[in-house]
């Protein structure tokens, strides 16, 4: 259990109690709101209202803080639990939870990748999906292909949604590029609207699972 220490910040003249969990939670907020480069020991100490030495005491230097953030992300991945009464429902629930987690923690996901922790980050969901695939009778190379397809679908959806958040025109079609004689004008009009990536994700997930585990 993390222990709290009373620390007096000489710069602010304040007295605060801080634990390792407090430090990592505050660091995580900085990283997710402003990016990894925004995390400095001074900024972290200011946010916590404690001296920098307190952070070193409880967690370590900046590199140790970043390692701790990745460890917390990996622990979060282990909490994703399959829900539903059938293998397709349970796999779909895992895919949705994974997508939400990757979207909410994009900077931490990038940090995990930089520190070569990506395989460990995805392992809990892969194991859970493999269990569901096996219960549906799919193992070996077939299960590996299904698992990779599901993971690629989730990651692609996350990347597209992030790109869409940066540019309102991302994912839209330039109607002027299509032949004026194309017969499906409703198709062109629909593609000219911004994409709803959550809906696209669900459509693709349903199609994948229908192929992987036919009813």
N, C-alpha and C. Protein backbone atom coordinates (compact mmCIF):
# COMPACT_ATOMS: atom_id res chain seq x y z
N UNK A 1 0.85 -1.19 0.00
CA UNK A 1 0.00 0.00 0.00
C UNK A 1 0.88 1.24 0.00
N UNK A 2 0.50 2.22 -0.81
CA UNK A 2 1.28 3.46 -0.86
C UNK A 2 1.11 4.22 0.43
N UNK A 3 2.22 4.75 0.94
CA UNK A 3 2.16 5.51 2.18
C UNK A 3 2.15 6.99 1.88
N UNK A 4 1.43 7.72 2.68
CA UNK A 4 1.36 9.18 2.50
C UNK A 4 2.39 9.84 3.39
N UNK A 5 2.99 10.88 2.86
CA UNK A 5 3.99 11.63 3.60
C UNK A 5 3.59 13.09 3.65
N UNK A 6 3.73 13.69 4.83
CA UNK A 6 3.49 15.13 4.96
C UNK A 6 4.71 15.85 4.42
N UNK A 7 4.51 16.68 3.42
CA UNK A 7 5.62 17.36 2.78
C UNK A 7 5.36 18.85 2.75
N UNK A 8 6.36 19.62 3.11
CA UNK A 8 6.26 21.08 3.04
C UNK A 8 6.96 21.54 1.78
N UNK A 9 6.22 22.24 0.93
CA UNK A 9 6.80 22.81 -0.29
C UNK A 9 7.39 24.16 0.04
N UNK A 10 8.72 24.26 -0.08
CA UNK A 10 9.37 25.52 0.27
C UNK A 10 8.99 26.64 -0.68
N UNK A 11 8.69 26.28 -1.95
CA UNK A 11 8.37 27.31 -2.92
C UNK A 11 6.99 27.88 -2.70
N UNK A 12 6.06 27.06 -2.23
CA UNK A 12 4.69 27.53 -2.07
C UNK A 12 4.32 27.72 -0.61
N UNK A 13 5.14 27.20 0.29
CA UNK A 13 4.86 27.32 1.70
C UNK A 13 3.65 26.52 2.15
N UNK A 14 3.33 25.45 1.39
CA UNK A 14 2.16 24.66 1.71
C UNK A 14 2.57 23.30 2.24
N UNK A 15 1.68 22.70 3.02
CA UNK A 15 1.90 21.37 3.53
C UNK A 15 0.86 20.44 2.93
N UNK A 16 1.31 19.33 2.32
CA UNK A 16 0.38 18.42 1.65
C UNK A 16 0.75 16.98 1.95
N UNK A 17 -0.24 16.10 1.83
CA UNK A 17 -0.01 14.67 1.90
C UNK A 17 -0.04 14.12 0.49
N UNK A 18 0.91 13.30 0.15
CA UNK A 18 0.98 12.77 -1.21
C UNK A 18 1.41 11.31 -1.16
N UNK A 19 0.87 10.51 -2.07
CA UNK A 19 1.24 9.11 -2.21
C UNK A 19 1.73 8.88 -3.63
N UNK A 20 2.29 7.71 -3.87
CA UNK A 20 2.71 7.36 -5.23
C UNK A 20 1.52 7.38 -6.18
N UNK A 21 0.37 6.90 -5.72
CA UNK A 21 -0.83 6.92 -6.56
C UNK A 21 -1.23 8.35 -6.90
N UNK A 22 -1.13 9.25 -5.94
CA UNK A 22 -1.43 10.66 -6.20
C UNK A 22 -0.53 11.21 -7.30
N UNK A 23 0.74 10.90 -7.20
CA UNK A 23 1.72 11.38 -8.17
C UNK A 23 1.37 10.88 -9.57
N UNK A 24 1.08 9.58 -9.68
CA UNK A 24 0.81 9.00 -11.00
C UNK A 24 -0.52 9.46 -11.57
N UNK A 25 -1.50 9.66 -10.71
CA UNK A 25 -2.78 10.18 -11.20
C UNK A 25 -2.60 11.60 -11.76
N UNK A 26 -1.88 12.42 -11.03
CA UNK A 26 -1.64 13.80 -11.49
C UNK A 26 -0.82 13.79 -12.78
N UNK A 27 0.18 12.94 -12.85
CA UNK A 27 1.00 12.85 -14.06
C UNK A 27 0.16 12.39 -15.24
N UNK A 28 -0.73 11.43 -14.98
CA UNK A 28 -1.60 10.95 -16.05
C UNK A 28 -2.51 12.03 -16.59
N UNK A 29 -3.02 12.87 -15.70
CA UNK A 29 -3.88 13.98 -16.15
C UNK A 29 -3.11 14.95 -17.05
N UNK A 30 -1.89 15.25 -16.67
CA UNK A 30 -1.07 16.16 -17.48
C UNK A 30 -0.82 15.57 -18.86
N UNK A 31 -0.43 14.31 -18.89
CA UNK A 31 -0.11 13.65 -20.15
C UNK A 31 -1.33 13.57 -21.06
N UNK A 32 -2.48 13.18 -20.52
CA UNK A 32 -3.66 13.03 -21.36
C UNK A 32 -4.22 14.36 -21.85
N UNK A 33 -4.03 15.40 -21.08
CA UNK A 33 -4.56 16.71 -21.50
C UNK A 33 -3.60 17.47 -22.41
N UNK A 34 -2.30 17.29 -22.17
CA UNK A 34 -1.33 18.14 -22.86
C UNK A 34 -0.23 17.39 -23.59
N UNK A 35 -0.16 16.08 -23.44
CA UNK A 35 0.88 15.30 -24.11
C UNK A 35 2.07 15.01 -23.20
N UNK A 36 2.87 14.05 -23.61
CA UNK A 36 3.99 13.58 -22.79
C UNK A 36 5.02 14.69 -22.57
N UNK A 37 5.28 15.49 -23.59
CA UNK A 37 6.30 16.54 -23.47
C UNK A 37 5.95 17.58 -22.42
N UNK A 38 4.65 17.69 -22.10
CA UNK A 38 4.22 18.69 -21.11
C UNK A 38 4.52 18.25 -19.68
N UNK A 39 4.84 16.98 -19.50
CA UNK A 39 5.10 16.48 -18.15
C UNK A 39 6.52 16.81 -17.71
N UNK A 40 6.65 17.72 -16.77
CA UNK A 40 7.93 18.02 -16.15
C UNK A 40 7.78 17.84 -14.65
N UNK A 41 8.88 17.64 -13.99
CA UNK A 41 8.82 17.44 -12.54
C UNK A 41 8.32 18.71 -11.85
N UNK A 42 8.70 19.87 -12.37
CA UNK A 42 8.25 21.12 -11.77
C UNK A 42 6.73 21.29 -11.93
N UNK A 43 6.24 21.01 -13.13
CA UNK A 43 4.79 21.13 -13.34
C UNK A 43 4.04 20.14 -12.47
N UNK A 44 4.55 18.94 -12.35
CA UNK A 44 3.90 17.92 -11.54
C UNK A 44 3.89 18.33 -10.07
N UNK A 45 4.99 18.86 -9.60
CA UNK A 45 5.05 19.28 -8.20
C UNK A 45 4.10 20.45 -7.94
N UNK A 46 4.00 21.36 -8.92
CA UNK A 46 3.08 22.49 -8.77
C UNK A 46 1.63 22.01 -8.73
N UNK A 47 1.29 21.05 -9.59
CA UNK A 47 -0.08 20.52 -9.61
C UNK A 47 -0.43 19.83 -8.30
N UNK A 48 0.55 19.17 -7.72
CA UNK A 48 0.32 18.43 -6.47
C UNK A 48 0.46 19.33 -5.24
N UNK A 49 1.13 20.46 -5.39
CA UNK A 49 1.36 21.33 -4.25
C UNK A 49 2.38 20.80 -3.29
N UNK A 50 3.38 20.07 -3.83
CA UNK A 50 4.43 19.50 -2.99
C UNK A 50 5.79 19.83 -3.59
N UNK A 51 6.82 19.56 -2.84
CA UNK A 51 8.18 19.76 -3.34
C UNK A 51 8.54 18.66 -4.33
N UNK A 52 9.43 18.97 -5.28
CA UNK A 52 9.87 17.99 -6.26
C UNK A 52 10.50 16.79 -5.57
N UNK A 53 11.19 17.03 -4.46
CA UNK A 53 11.83 15.92 -3.75
C UNK A 53 10.83 14.87 -3.28
N UNK A 54 9.60 15.30 -3.02
CA UNK A 54 8.57 14.34 -2.60
C UNK A 54 8.25 13.36 -3.73
N UNK A 55 8.23 13.86 -4.95
CA UNK A 55 7.96 13.00 -6.11
C UNK A 55 9.09 11.99 -6.28
N UNK A 56 10.32 12.48 -6.13
CA UNK A 56 11.47 11.56 -6.22
C UNK A 56 11.39 10.49 -5.13
N UNK A 57 10.94 10.88 -3.97
CA UNK A 57 10.87 9.95 -2.84
C UNK A 57 9.84 8.85 -3.10
N UNK A 58 8.68 9.22 -3.61
CA UNK A 58 7.59 8.25 -3.77
C UNK A 58 7.64 7.46 -5.07
N UNK A 59 8.11 8.08 -6.15
CA UNK A 59 8.08 7.41 -7.45
C UNK A 59 9.47 7.34 -8.09
N UNK A 60 10.18 8.44 -8.08
CA UNK A 60 11.49 8.49 -8.73
C UNK A 60 11.56 9.68 -9.68
N UNK A 61 12.46 9.60 -10.65
CA UNK A 61 12.63 10.71 -11.59
C UNK A 61 11.55 10.66 -12.68
N UNK A 62 11.66 11.54 -13.64
CA UNK A 62 10.63 11.63 -14.68
C UNK A 62 10.48 10.32 -15.43
N UNK A 63 11.60 9.65 -15.70
CA UNK A 63 11.55 8.38 -16.41
C UNK A 63 10.77 7.34 -15.61
N UNK A 64 10.97 7.32 -14.30
CA UNK A 64 10.25 6.39 -13.44
C UNK A 64 8.75 6.72 -13.42
N UNK A 65 8.43 8.00 -13.46
CA UNK A 65 7.02 8.41 -13.50
C UNK A 65 6.38 7.89 -14.79
N UNK A 66 7.07 8.05 -15.91
CA UNK A 66 6.54 7.57 -17.18
C UNK A 66 6.36 6.06 -17.17
N UNK A 67 7.34 5.34 -16.60
CA UNK A 67 7.20 3.89 -16.48
C UNK A 67 5.98 3.54 -15.63
N UNK A 68 5.78 4.29 -14.57
CA UNK A 68 4.63 4.05 -13.71
C UNK A 68 3.31 4.28 -14.44
N UNK A 69 3.27 5.28 -15.30
CA UNK A 69 2.06 5.54 -16.08
C UNK A 69 1.76 4.39 -17.04
N UNK A 70 2.79 3.85 -17.66
CA UNK A 70 2.59 2.71 -18.56
C UNK A 70 2.11 1.50 -17.76
N UNK A 71 2.68 1.29 -16.59
CA UNK A 71 2.25 0.17 -15.75
C UNK A 71 0.77 0.31 -15.38
N UNK A 72 0.33 1.52 -15.10
CA UNK A 72 -1.07 1.76 -14.77
C UNK A 72 -1.97 1.46 -15.98
N UNK A 73 -1.50 1.84 -17.17
CA UNK A 73 -2.28 1.56 -18.38
C UNK A 73 -2.40 0.05 -18.58
N UNK A 74 -1.31 -0.68 -18.40
CA UNK A 74 -1.35 -2.13 -18.56
C UNK A 74 -2.29 -2.77 -17.54
N UNK A 75 -2.27 -2.23 -16.33
CA UNK A 75 -3.18 -2.73 -15.30
C UNK A 75 -4.63 -2.45 -15.68
N UNK A 76 -4.87 -1.29 -16.30
CA UNK A 76 -6.22 -0.95 -16.77
C UNK A 76 -6.68 -1.95 -17.82
N UNK A 77 -5.80 -2.35 -18.71
CA UNK A 77 -6.15 -3.31 -19.75
C UNK A 77 -6.59 -4.65 -19.16
N UNK A 78 -6.03 -4.99 -18.02
CA UNK A 78 -6.38 -6.26 -17.38
C UNK A 78 -7.78 -6.24 -16.76
N UNK A 79 -8.39 -5.06 -16.67
CA UNK A 79 -9.72 -4.96 -16.08
C UNK A 79 -10.83 -5.10 -17.13
N UNK A 80 -10.46 -5.17 -18.41
CA UNK A 80 -11.47 -5.33 -19.46
C UNK A 80 -12.03 -6.74 -19.39
N UNK A 81 -13.32 -6.85 -19.23
CA UNK A 81 -13.96 -8.15 -19.01
C UNK A 81 -15.04 -8.37 -20.06
N UNK A 82 -15.07 -9.57 -20.63
CA UNK A 82 -16.07 -9.91 -21.63
C UNK A 82 -17.47 -9.91 -21.01
N UNK A 83 -18.43 -9.34 -21.73
CA UNK A 83 -19.81 -9.29 -21.27
C UNK A 83 -20.73 -9.83 -22.36
N UNK A 84 -21.80 -10.51 -21.96
CA UNK A 84 -22.74 -11.06 -22.92
C UNK A 84 -22.91 -12.55 -22.71
N UNK A 85 -23.87 -13.13 -23.41
CA UNK A 85 -24.21 -14.53 -23.21
C UNK A 85 -23.68 -15.45 -24.30
N UNK A 86 -23.17 -14.89 -25.39
CA UNK A 86 -22.64 -15.70 -26.49
C UNK A 86 -21.24 -15.22 -26.84
N UNK A 87 -20.41 -16.08 -27.47
CA UNK A 87 -19.07 -15.65 -27.86
C UNK A 87 -19.05 -14.39 -28.72
N UNK A 88 -19.91 -14.25 -29.74
CA UNK A 88 -19.88 -13.00 -30.51
C UNK A 88 -20.18 -11.77 -29.66
N UNK A 89 -21.15 -11.88 -28.76
CA UNK A 89 -21.47 -10.75 -27.88
C UNK A 89 -20.31 -10.41 -26.97
N UNK A 90 -19.65 -11.44 -26.47
CA UNK A 90 -18.56 -11.23 -25.52
C UNK A 90 -17.32 -10.66 -26.23
N UNK A 91 -17.06 -11.13 -27.43
CA UNK A 91 -15.94 -10.59 -28.21
C UNK A 91 -16.23 -9.13 -28.57
N UNK A 92 -17.47 -8.85 -28.97
CA UNK A 92 -17.84 -7.48 -29.33
C UNK A 92 -17.66 -6.54 -28.14
N UNK A 93 -18.01 -7.02 -26.95
CA UNK A 93 -17.87 -6.17 -25.76
C UNK A 93 -16.40 -5.87 -25.49
N UNK A 94 -15.54 -6.84 -25.70
CA UNK A 94 -14.10 -6.61 -25.51
C UNK A 94 -13.57 -5.61 -26.54
N UNK A 95 -14.01 -5.75 -27.78
CA UNK A 95 -13.57 -4.84 -28.83
C UNK A 95 -14.01 -3.41 -28.52
N UNK A 96 -15.24 -3.26 -28.05
CA UNK A 96 -15.73 -1.91 -27.72
C UNK A 96 -14.95 -1.31 -26.55
N UNK A 97 -14.71 -2.11 -25.52
CA UNK A 97 -13.97 -1.61 -24.37
C UNK A 97 -12.54 -1.23 -24.76
N UNK A 98 -11.93 -2.04 -25.60
CA UNK A 98 -10.57 -1.74 -26.05
C UNK A 98 -10.56 -0.42 -26.84
N UNK A 99 -11.52 -0.24 -27.71
CA UNK A 99 -11.59 0.99 -28.50
C UNK A 99 -11.74 2.21 -27.60
N UNK A 100 -12.63 2.14 -26.64
CA UNK A 100 -12.84 3.27 -25.72
C UNK A 100 -11.56 3.58 -24.94
N UNK A 101 -10.90 2.54 -24.46
CA UNK A 101 -9.68 2.73 -23.68
C UNK A 101 -8.58 3.38 -24.53
N UNK A 102 -8.43 2.93 -25.77
CA UNK A 102 -7.41 3.51 -26.64
C UNK A 102 -7.72 4.96 -26.99
N UNK A 103 -9.01 5.28 -27.15
CA UNK A 103 -9.39 6.65 -27.46
C UNK A 103 -9.18 7.58 -26.26
N UNK A 104 -9.50 7.09 -25.08
CA UNK A 104 -9.41 7.92 -23.88
C UNK A 104 -7.98 8.12 -23.40
N UNK A 105 -7.10 7.21 -23.77
CA UNK A 105 -5.72 7.26 -23.25
C UNK A 105 -4.71 7.26 -24.39
N UNK A 106 -4.97 8.08 -25.40
CA UNK A 106 -4.14 8.03 -26.60
C UNK A 106 -2.68 8.38 -26.34
N UNK A 107 -2.41 9.35 -25.46
CA UNK A 107 -1.03 9.71 -25.19
C UNK A 107 -0.31 8.60 -24.41
N UNK A 108 -1.02 7.96 -23.50
CA UNK A 108 -0.41 6.88 -22.74
C UNK A 108 -0.17 5.66 -23.64
N UNK A 109 -1.08 5.43 -24.58
CA UNK A 109 -0.89 4.34 -25.54
C UNK A 109 0.36 4.58 -26.36
N UNK A 110 0.54 5.82 -26.81
CA UNK A 110 1.75 6.17 -27.55
C UNK A 110 3.00 5.99 -26.72
N UNK A 111 2.89 6.34 -25.44
CA UNK A 111 4.02 6.18 -24.52
C UNK A 111 4.37 4.70 -24.35
N UNK A 112 3.36 3.87 -24.22
CA UNK A 112 3.59 2.42 -24.09
C UNK A 112 4.28 1.88 -25.34
N UNK A 113 3.89 2.39 -26.50
CA UNK A 113 4.51 1.96 -27.75
C UNK A 113 5.98 2.37 -27.78
N UNK A 114 6.26 3.60 -27.37
CA UNK A 114 7.64 4.09 -27.36
C UNK A 114 8.52 3.26 -26.44
N UNK A 115 7.93 2.68 -25.41
CA UNK A 115 8.70 1.91 -24.44
C UNK A 115 8.60 0.41 -24.69
N UNK A 116 8.20 0.05 -25.90
CA UNK A 116 8.14 -1.36 -26.33
C UNK A 116 7.23 -2.20 -25.43
N UNK A 117 6.13 -1.60 -24.98
CA UNK A 117 5.20 -2.33 -24.12
C UNK A 117 3.89 -2.65 -24.85
N UNK A 118 3.85 -2.38 -26.14
CA UNK A 118 2.60 -2.61 -26.89
C UNK A 118 2.13 -4.06 -26.82
N UNK A 119 3.01 -5.06 -27.03
CA UNK A 119 2.52 -6.45 -26.93
C UNK A 119 1.92 -6.76 -25.56
N UNK A 120 2.56 -6.29 -24.51
CA UNK A 120 2.03 -6.53 -23.16
C UNK A 120 0.71 -5.79 -22.96
N UNK A 121 0.57 -4.62 -23.58
CA UNK A 121 -0.66 -3.82 -23.43
C UNK A 121 -1.86 -4.56 -24.03
N UNK A 122 -1.67 -5.19 -25.18
CA UNK A 122 -2.78 -5.86 -25.85
C UNK A 122 -3.00 -7.30 -25.37
N UNK A 123 -2.05 -7.85 -24.64
CA UNK A 123 -2.14 -9.26 -24.26
C UNK A 123 -3.41 -9.63 -23.50
N UNK A 124 -3.85 -8.88 -22.49
CA UNK A 124 -5.06 -9.29 -21.77
C UNK A 124 -6.29 -9.42 -22.66
N UNK A 125 -6.48 -8.49 -23.58
CA UNK A 125 -7.63 -8.56 -24.48
C UNK A 125 -7.46 -9.71 -25.47
N UNK A 126 -6.25 -9.93 -25.94
CA UNK A 126 -6.01 -11.04 -26.85
C UNK A 126 -6.33 -12.37 -26.19
N UNK A 127 -5.90 -12.53 -24.95
CA UNK A 127 -6.18 -13.78 -24.22
C UNK A 127 -7.69 -13.97 -24.03
N UNK A 128 -8.37 -12.88 -23.68
CA UNK A 128 -9.82 -12.97 -23.46
C UNK A 128 -10.54 -13.31 -24.76
N UNK A 129 -10.15 -12.67 -25.86
CA UNK A 129 -10.77 -12.97 -27.15
C UNK A 129 -10.46 -14.38 -27.61
N UNK A 130 -9.23 -14.84 -27.37
CA UNK A 130 -8.86 -16.20 -27.75
C UNK A 130 -9.72 -17.22 -27.02
N UNK A 131 -10.00 -16.95 -25.76
CA UNK A 131 -10.87 -17.84 -24.98
C UNK A 131 -12.26 -17.92 -25.60
N UNK A 132 -12.80 -16.78 -26.00
CA UNK A 132 -14.14 -16.75 -26.61
C UNK A 132 -14.14 -17.42 -27.98
N UNK A 133 -13.09 -17.20 -28.75
CA UNK A 133 -13.00 -17.87 -30.05
C UNK A 133 -12.94 -19.37 -29.89
N UNK A 134 -12.17 -19.82 -28.91
CA UNK A 134 -12.06 -21.27 -28.67
C UNK A 134 -13.41 -21.85 -28.24
N UNK A 135 -14.15 -21.10 -27.46
CA UNK A 135 -15.46 -21.60 -27.02
C UNK A 135 -16.43 -21.70 -28.19
N UNK A 136 -16.15 -20.95 -29.26
CA UNK A 136 -16.96 -21.03 -30.47
C UNK A 136 -16.41 -22.04 -31.46
N UNK A 137 -15.35 -22.75 -31.06
CA UNK A 137 -14.77 -23.80 -31.90
C UNK A 137 -13.68 -23.33 -32.84
N UNK A 138 -13.17 -22.13 -32.63
CA UNK A 138 -12.14 -21.59 -33.51
C UNK A 138 -10.81 -21.53 -32.78
N UNK A 139 -9.83 -22.28 -33.28
CA UNK A 139 -8.50 -22.32 -32.67
C UNK A 139 -7.43 -22.28 -33.76
N UNK A 140 -6.18 -22.31 -33.35
CA UNK A 140 -5.07 -22.39 -34.30
C UNK A 140 -4.96 -21.19 -35.21
N UNK A 141 -4.58 -21.43 -36.46
CA UNK A 141 -4.34 -20.34 -37.41
C UNK A 141 -5.62 -19.56 -37.71
N UNK A 142 -6.75 -20.25 -37.70
CA UNK A 142 -8.01 -19.55 -37.93
C UNK A 142 -8.31 -18.55 -36.83
N UNK A 143 -8.06 -18.96 -35.60
CA UNK A 143 -8.26 -18.05 -34.47
C UNK A 143 -7.28 -16.90 -34.52
N UNK A 144 -6.04 -17.17 -34.93
CA UNK A 144 -5.03 -16.11 -35.02
C UNK A 144 -5.44 -15.06 -36.04
N UNK A 145 -5.95 -15.51 -37.21
CA UNK A 145 -6.39 -14.56 -38.23
C UNK A 145 -7.58 -13.74 -37.74
N UNK A 146 -8.51 -14.40 -37.07
CA UNK A 146 -9.67 -13.69 -36.53
C UNK A 146 -9.26 -12.66 -35.49
N UNK A 147 -8.35 -13.06 -34.61
CA UNK A 147 -7.88 -12.16 -33.56
C UNK A 147 -7.17 -10.94 -34.14
N UNK A 148 -6.32 -11.18 -35.11
CA UNK A 148 -5.62 -10.06 -35.74
C UNK A 148 -6.58 -9.15 -36.49
N UNK A 149 -7.56 -9.72 -37.14
CA UNK A 149 -8.54 -8.91 -37.87
C UNK A 149 -9.33 -8.02 -36.92
N UNK A 150 -9.72 -8.57 -35.79
CA UNK A 150 -10.46 -7.78 -34.81
C UNK A 150 -9.60 -6.66 -34.24
N UNK A 151 -8.35 -6.96 -33.96
CA UNK A 151 -7.46 -5.95 -33.40
C UNK A 151 -7.19 -4.84 -34.41
N UNK A 152 -6.97 -5.22 -35.67
CA UNK A 152 -6.75 -4.21 -36.71
C UNK A 152 -7.99 -3.34 -36.88
N UNK A 153 -9.16 -3.94 -36.80
CA UNK A 153 -10.41 -3.17 -36.94
C UNK A 153 -10.51 -2.14 -35.82
N UNK A 154 -10.22 -2.54 -34.60
CA UNK A 154 -10.30 -1.62 -33.46
C UNK A 154 -9.29 -0.48 -33.63
N UNK A 155 -8.04 -0.83 -33.91
CA UNK A 155 -6.99 0.18 -34.01
C UNK A 155 -7.25 1.13 -35.17
N UNK A 156 -7.69 0.60 -36.31
CA UNK A 156 -7.99 1.45 -37.46
C UNK A 156 -9.10 2.44 -37.13
N UNK A 157 -10.11 1.96 -36.42
CA UNK A 157 -11.21 2.84 -36.03
C UNK A 157 -10.73 3.97 -35.13
N UNK A 158 -9.85 3.63 -34.20
CA UNK A 158 -9.30 4.63 -33.28
C UNK A 158 -8.50 5.68 -34.06
N UNK A 159 -7.66 5.24 -34.98
CA UNK A 159 -6.85 6.17 -35.75
C UNK A 159 -7.72 7.08 -36.61
N UNK A 160 -8.76 6.52 -37.22
CA UNK A 160 -9.66 7.33 -38.05
C UNK A 160 -10.41 8.35 -37.21
N UNK A 161 -10.87 7.94 -36.04
CA UNK A 161 -11.60 8.87 -35.18
C UNK A 161 -10.70 10.00 -34.69
N UNK A 162 -9.46 9.68 -34.36
CA UNK A 162 -8.53 10.72 -33.95
C UNK A 162 -8.28 11.70 -35.08
N UNK A 163 -8.12 11.18 -36.29
CA UNK A 163 -7.91 12.06 -37.44
C UNK A 163 -9.14 12.93 -37.68
N UNK A 164 -10.32 12.35 -37.51
CA UNK A 164 -11.54 13.11 -37.68
C UNK A 164 -11.68 14.22 -36.66
N UNK A 165 -11.18 13.97 -35.46
CA UNK A 165 -11.25 14.99 -34.41
C UNK A 165 -10.34 16.18 -34.72
N UNK A 166 -9.27 15.92 -35.48
CA UNK A 166 -8.34 16.99 -35.84
C UNK A 166 -8.82 17.81 -37.03
N UNK A 167 -9.64 17.20 -37.89
CA UNK A 167 -10.10 17.89 -39.10
C UNK A 167 -11.54 17.51 -39.39
N UNK A 168 -12.41 18.52 -39.44
CA UNK A 168 -13.83 18.27 -39.67
C UNK A 168 -14.09 17.65 -41.04
N UNK A 169 -13.19 17.89 -41.99
CA UNK A 169 -13.40 17.37 -43.35
C UNK A 169 -12.83 15.97 -43.53
N UNK A 170 -12.15 15.44 -42.51
CA UNK A 170 -11.56 14.12 -42.65
C UNK A 170 -12.65 13.07 -42.85
N UNK A 171 -12.44 12.20 -43.80
CA UNK A 171 -13.40 11.13 -44.04
C UNK A 171 -14.55 11.53 -44.94
N UNK A 172 -14.59 12.77 -45.35
CA UNK A 172 -15.66 13.21 -46.25
C UNK A 172 -15.20 13.11 -47.70
N UNK A 173 -16.17 12.96 -48.57
CA UNK A 173 -15.88 12.82 -49.99
C UNK A 173 -16.05 14.16 -50.69
N UNK A 174 -15.16 14.45 -51.64
CA UNK A 174 -15.31 15.63 -52.49
C UNK A 174 -16.19 15.23 -53.66
N UNK A 175 -17.45 15.65 -53.60
CA UNK A 175 -18.42 15.23 -54.62
C UNK A 175 -17.98 15.63 -56.02
N UNK A 176 -17.21 16.70 -56.14
CA UNK A 176 -16.77 17.16 -57.46
C UNK A 176 -15.82 16.18 -58.14
N UNK A 177 -15.22 15.29 -57.35
CA UNK A 177 -14.28 14.33 -57.93
C UNK A 177 -15.00 13.13 -58.55
N UNK A 178 -16.24 12.93 -58.17
CA UNK A 178 -16.99 11.79 -58.71
C UNK A 178 -17.61 12.16 -60.06
N UNK A 179 -17.73 11.17 -60.93
CA UNK A 179 -18.35 11.45 -62.25
C UNK A 179 -19.76 12.00 -62.08
N UNK A 180 -20.07 13.04 -62.81
CA UNK A 180 -21.41 13.63 -62.71
C UNK A 180 -22.48 12.66 -63.17
N UNK A 181 -22.08 11.66 -63.95
CA UNK A 181 -23.05 10.70 -64.46
C UNK A 181 -23.25 9.51 -63.51
N UNK A 182 -22.55 9.51 -62.38
CA UNK A 182 -22.72 8.38 -61.47
C UNK A 182 -24.18 8.30 -61.03
N UNK A 183 -24.77 7.10 -61.11
CA UNK A 183 -26.23 7.00 -60.89
C UNK A 183 -26.67 7.15 -59.43
N UNK A 184 -25.79 6.85 -58.48
CA UNK A 184 -26.23 6.86 -57.07
C UNK A 184 -25.86 8.20 -56.43
N UNK A 185 -26.74 9.18 -56.62
CA UNK A 185 -26.48 10.51 -56.07
C UNK A 185 -26.63 10.53 -54.55
N UNK A 186 -27.49 9.66 -54.02
CA UNK A 186 -27.66 9.59 -52.57
C UNK A 186 -26.39 9.07 -51.90
N UNK A 187 -25.73 8.14 -52.56
CA UNK A 187 -24.45 7.64 -52.05
C UNK A 187 -23.44 8.77 -51.95
N UNK A 188 -23.34 9.54 -53.01
CA UNK A 188 -22.38 10.64 -53.04
C UNK A 188 -22.72 11.67 -51.97
N UNK A 189 -24.00 11.98 -51.82
CA UNK A 189 -24.42 12.95 -50.81
C UNK A 189 -24.09 12.45 -49.41
N UNK A 190 -24.30 11.17 -49.17
CA UNK A 190 -24.03 10.60 -47.84
C UNK A 190 -22.54 10.60 -47.54
N UNK A 191 -21.73 10.27 -48.54
CA UNK A 191 -20.28 10.24 -48.35
C UNK A 191 -19.70 11.64 -48.19
N UNK A 192 -20.46 12.64 -48.59
CA UNK A 192 -19.99 14.02 -48.45
C UNK A 192 -20.17 14.54 -47.03
N UNK A 193 -20.94 13.81 -46.23
CA UNK A 193 -21.15 14.18 -44.84
C UNK A 193 -20.02 13.63 -43.97
N UNK A 194 -19.71 14.28 -42.84
CA UNK A 194 -18.68 13.75 -41.93
C UNK A 194 -19.04 12.34 -41.47
N UNK A 195 -18.03 11.50 -41.37
CA UNK A 195 -18.26 10.12 -40.97
C UNK A 195 -18.56 10.00 -39.48
N UNK A 196 -19.49 9.16 -39.13
CA UNK A 196 -19.76 8.79 -37.74
C UNK A 196 -18.96 7.52 -37.48
N UNK A 197 -17.75 7.68 -36.92
CA UNK A 197 -16.84 6.54 -36.82
C UNK A 197 -17.31 5.49 -35.82
N UNK A 198 -18.09 5.89 -34.85
CA UNK A 198 -18.64 4.90 -33.92
C UNK A 198 -19.61 3.98 -34.65
N UNK A 199 -20.44 4.55 -35.50
CA UNK A 199 -21.38 3.75 -36.29
C UNK A 199 -20.64 2.86 -37.28
N UNK A 200 -19.63 3.42 -37.93
CA UNK A 200 -18.82 2.65 -38.86
C UNK A 200 -18.15 1.48 -38.14
N UNK A 201 -17.65 1.74 -36.94
CA UNK A 201 -17.00 0.69 -36.16
C UNK A 201 -17.98 -0.44 -35.87
N UNK A 202 -19.18 -0.10 -35.42
CA UNK A 202 -20.16 -1.12 -35.08
C UNK A 202 -20.57 -1.93 -36.31
N UNK A 203 -20.74 -1.25 -37.43
CA UNK A 203 -21.09 -1.95 -38.67
C UNK A 203 -20.01 -2.96 -39.06
N UNK A 204 -18.76 -2.49 -39.03
CA UNK A 204 -17.66 -3.38 -39.38
C UNK A 204 -17.48 -4.52 -38.39
N UNK A 205 -17.69 -4.23 -37.11
CA UNK A 205 -17.56 -5.26 -36.08
C UNK A 205 -18.61 -6.35 -36.28
N UNK A 206 -19.84 -5.94 -36.55
CA UNK A 206 -20.91 -6.92 -36.81
C UNK A 206 -20.58 -7.79 -38.02
N UNK A 207 -20.07 -7.14 -39.07
CA UNK A 207 -19.75 -7.89 -40.29
C UNK A 207 -18.60 -8.88 -40.03
N UNK A 208 -17.60 -8.44 -39.30
CA UNK A 208 -16.47 -9.32 -38.98
C UNK A 208 -16.92 -10.53 -38.18
N UNK A 209 -17.69 -10.27 -37.13
CA UNK A 209 -18.11 -11.37 -36.26
C UNK A 209 -19.07 -12.33 -36.97
N UNK A 210 -19.88 -11.80 -37.87
CA UNK A 210 -20.79 -12.66 -38.62
C UNK A 210 -20.00 -13.61 -39.52
N UNK A 211 -18.84 -13.15 -40.01
CA UNK A 211 -17.99 -13.99 -40.84
C UNK A 211 -17.15 -14.95 -39.98
N UNK A 212 -16.65 -14.45 -38.87
CA UNK A 212 -15.79 -15.27 -38.01
C UNK A 212 -16.57 -16.39 -37.33
N UNK A 213 -17.74 -16.03 -36.81
CA UNK A 213 -18.57 -17.01 -36.10
C UNK A 213 -19.97 -16.98 -36.71
N UNK A 214 -20.18 -17.69 -37.81
CA UNK A 214 -21.50 -17.68 -38.46
C UNK A 214 -22.58 -18.22 -37.51
N UNK A 215 -23.74 -17.62 -37.58
CA UNK A 215 -24.84 -18.07 -36.72
C UNK A 215 -25.48 -19.32 -37.28
